[in-house]
Amino acid sequence: MGTAPKQGPAPVSAGVRSLMAGHKPAAPKPAIPRWYIFAGDVLLVALALMTFCVSPHPLSWKRELFCAALVILAASLAVVALLTQDGKG
């Protein structure tokens, strides 16, 4: 009796290999790009410098507090920008 010769497994196409590999989730992109935060830092420090230079001297305690708060806010935003991932991973 004639029996067909044994063949190896059928070749698997790239699409089937992709389905068998499963889903690999991509790294989520940040909601706000890092350069937006750094641009905000520059604008906050510029506002503090402009307030300092344009205001009559000696500065009132309210304006000094305002300038200090702007610089502290800019520094905290810079730390946030440095700690966030870039989304290119």
C-alpha atoms as a PDB file:
ATOM      1  CA  MET A   1       0.000   0.000   0.000  1.00  0.00           C
ATOM      2  CA  GLY A   2       1.155   3.450  -0.759  1.00  0.00           C
ATOM      3  CA  THR A   3       1.571   5.696   2.198  1.00  0.00           C
ATOM      4  CA  ALA A   4       2.422   9.316   1.820  1.00  0.00           C
ATOM      5  CA  PRO A   5       5.855  10.260   3.032  1.00  0.00           C
ATOM      6  CA  LYS A   6       5.901  11.961   6.407  1.00  0.00           C
ATOM      7  CA  GLN A   7       6.310  15.692   6.154  1.00  0.00           C
ATOM      8  CA  GLY A   8       7.521  18.062   8.847  1.00  0.00           C
ATOM      9  CA  PRO A   9       5.266  20.683  10.380  1.00  0.00           C
ATOM     10  CA  ALA A  10       3.841  23.243   8.029  1.00  0.00           C
ATOM     11  CA  PRO A  11       5.776  26.527   7.901  1.00  0.00           C
ATOM     12  CA  VAL A  12       4.372  29.190  10.165  1.00  0.00           C
ATOM     13  CA  SER A  13       3.839  32.614   8.650  1.00  0.00           C
ATOM     14  CA  ALA A  14       4.842  35.890  10.298  1.00  0.00           C
ATOM     15  CA  GLY A  15       1.245  36.752  11.109  1.00  0.00           C
ATOM     16  CA  VAL A  16       0.712  33.524  13.037  1.00  0.00           C
ATOM     17  CA  ARG A  17       3.988  34.057  14.911  1.00  0.00           C
ATOM     18  CA  SER A  18       2.814  37.538  15.829  1.00  0.00           C
ATOM     19  CA  LEU A  19      -0.467  36.192  17.174  1.00  0.00           C
ATOM     20  CA  MET A  20       1.303  33.473  19.125  1.00  0.00           C
ATOM     21  CA  ALA A  21       3.715  35.957  20.707  1.00  0.00           C
ATOM     22  CA  GLY A  22       0.883  37.881  22.329  1.00  0.00           C
ATOM     23  CA  HIS A  23       0.349  41.558  22.932  1.00  0.00           C
ATOM     24  CA  LYS A  24       3.314  43.589  24.149  1.00  0.00           C
ATOM     25  CA  PRO A  25       1.985  46.853  25.572  1.00  0.00           C
ATOM     26  CA  ALA A  26       3.880  49.953  24.502  1.00  0.00           C
ATOM     27  CA  ALA A  27       5.134  52.453  27.021  1.00  0.00           C
ATOM     28  CA  PRO A  28       2.463  55.129  27.545  1.00  0.00           C
ATOM     29  CA  LYS A  29       3.308  58.589  26.300  1.00  0.00           C
ATOM     30  CA  PRO A  30       3.260  61.280  28.936  1.00  0.00           C
ATOM     31  CA  ALA A  31       0.240  63.559  28.995  1.00  0.00           C
ATOM     32  CA  ILE A  32       2.460  66.648  28.843  1.00  0.00           C
ATOM     33  CA  PRO A  33       5.777  66.541  26.969  1.00  0.00           C
ATOM     34  CA  ARG A  34       8.837  67.355  29.057  1.00  0.00           C
ATOM     35  CA  TRP A  35       9.826  70.358  26.974  1.00  0.00           C
ATOM     36  CA  TYR A  36       6.480  72.018  27.773  1.00  0.00           C
ATOM     37  CA  ILE A  37       7.368  71.852  31.454  1.00  0.00           C
ATOM     38  CA  PHE A  38      10.844  73.252  30.861  1.00  0.00           C
ATOM     39  CA  ALA A  39       9.346  76.064  28.764  1.00  0.00           C
ATOM     40  CA  GLY A  40       7.014  76.806  31.674  1.00  0.00           C
ATOM     41  CA  ASP A  41      10.066  76.988  33.953  1.00  0.00           C
ATOM     42  CA  VAL A  42      11.684  79.569  31.715  1.00  0.00           C
ATOM     43  CA  LEU A  43       8.494  81.631  31.571  1.00  0.00           C
ATOM     44  CA  LEU A  44       8.016  81.547  35.358  1.00  0.00           C
ATOM     45  CA  VAL A  45      11.585  82.648  36.039  1.00  0.00           C
ATOM     46  CA  ALA A  46      11.269  85.363  33.375  1.00  0.00           C
ATOM     47  CA  LEU A  47       8.101  86.623  35.073  1.00  0.00           C
ATOM     48  CA  ALA A  48       9.884  86.708  38.431  1.00  0.00           C
ATOM     49  CA  LEU A  49      12.813  88.644  36.933  1.00  0.00           C
ATOM     50  CA  MET A  50      10.502  91.049  35.146  1.00  0.00           C
ATOM     51  CA  THR A  51       8.525  91.665  38.340  1.00  0.00           C
ATOM     52  CA  PHE A  52      11.752  92.280  40.235  1.00  0.00           C
ATOM     53  CA  CYS A  53      13.213  94.665  37.665  1.00  0.00           C
ATOM     54  CA  VAL A  54      10.085  96.668  36.844  1.00  0.00           C
ATOM     55  CA  SER A  55       8.749  97.097  40.390  1.00  0.00           C
ATOM     56  CA  PRO A  56       9.726 100.149  42.425  1.00  0.00           C
ATOM     57  CA  HIS A  57      12.499  99.490  44.905  1.00  0.00           C
ATOM     58  CA  PRO A  58      12.542  98.544  47.713  1.00  0.00           C
ATOM     59  CA  LEU A  59      10.146  95.732  46.930  1.00  0.00           C
ATOM     60  CA  SER A  60       7.157  95.203  49.167  1.00  0.00           C
ATOM     61  CA  TRP A  61       7.005  91.921  51.052  1.00  0.00           C
ATOM     62  CA  LYS A  62       4.098  90.834  48.842  1.00  0.00           C
ATOM     63  CA  ARG A  63       6.148  91.218  45.664  1.00  0.00           C
ATOM     64  CA  GLU A  64       9.130  89.492  47.251  1.00  0.00           C
ATOM     65  CA  LEU A  65       6.882  86.611  48.248  1.00  0.00           C
ATOM     66  CA  PHE A  66       5.403  86.508  44.734  1.00  0.00           C
ATOM     67  CA  CYS A  67       8.853  86.316  43.101  1.00  0.00           C
ATOM     68  CA  ALA A  68      10.013  83.659  45.555  1.00  0.00           C
ATOM     69  CA  ALA A  69       6.873  81.598  44.936  1.00  0.00           C
ATOM     70  CA  LEU A  70       7.422  81.797  41.163  1.00  0.00           C
ATOM     71  CA  VAL A  71      10.999  80.557  41.466  1.00  0.00           C
ATOM     72  CA  ILE A  72       9.979  77.746  43.834  1.00  0.00           C
ATOM     73  CA  LEU A  73       7.183  76.710  41.474  1.00  0.00           C
ATOM     74  CA  ALA A  74       9.614  76.711  38.537  1.00  0.00           C
ATOM     75  CA  ALA A  75      12.077  74.582  40.499  1.00  0.00           C
ATOM     76  CA  SER A  76       9.397  72.073  41.458  1.00  0.00           C
ATOM     77  CA  LEU A  77       8.250  71.836  37.831  1.00  0.00           C
ATOM     78  CA  ALA A  78      11.851  71.211  36.766  1.00  0.00           C
ATOM     79  CA  VAL A  79      12.075  68.332  39.258  1.00  0.00           C
ATOM     80  CA  VAL A  80       8.796  66.899  37.941  1.00  0.00           C
ATOM     81  CA  ALA A  81      10.088  67.157  34.374  1.00  0.00           C
ATOM     82  CA  LEU A  82      13.303  65.372  35.285  1.00  0.00           C
ATOM     83  CA  LEU A  83      11.491  62.563  37.097  1.00  0.00           C
ATOM     84  CA  THR A  84       8.993  61.828  34.329  1.00  0.00           C
ATOM     85  CA  GLN A  85       9.850  59.379  31.575  1.00  0.00           C
ATOM     86  CA  ASP A  86      10.327  60.658  28.070  1.00  0.00           C
ATOM     87  CA  GLY A  87       8.018  58.072  26.472  1.00  0.00           C
ATOM     88  CA  LYS A  88      10.633  56.875  23.981  1.00  0.00           C
ATOM     89  CA  GLY A  89      11.233  53.580  25.757  1.00  0.00           C
END
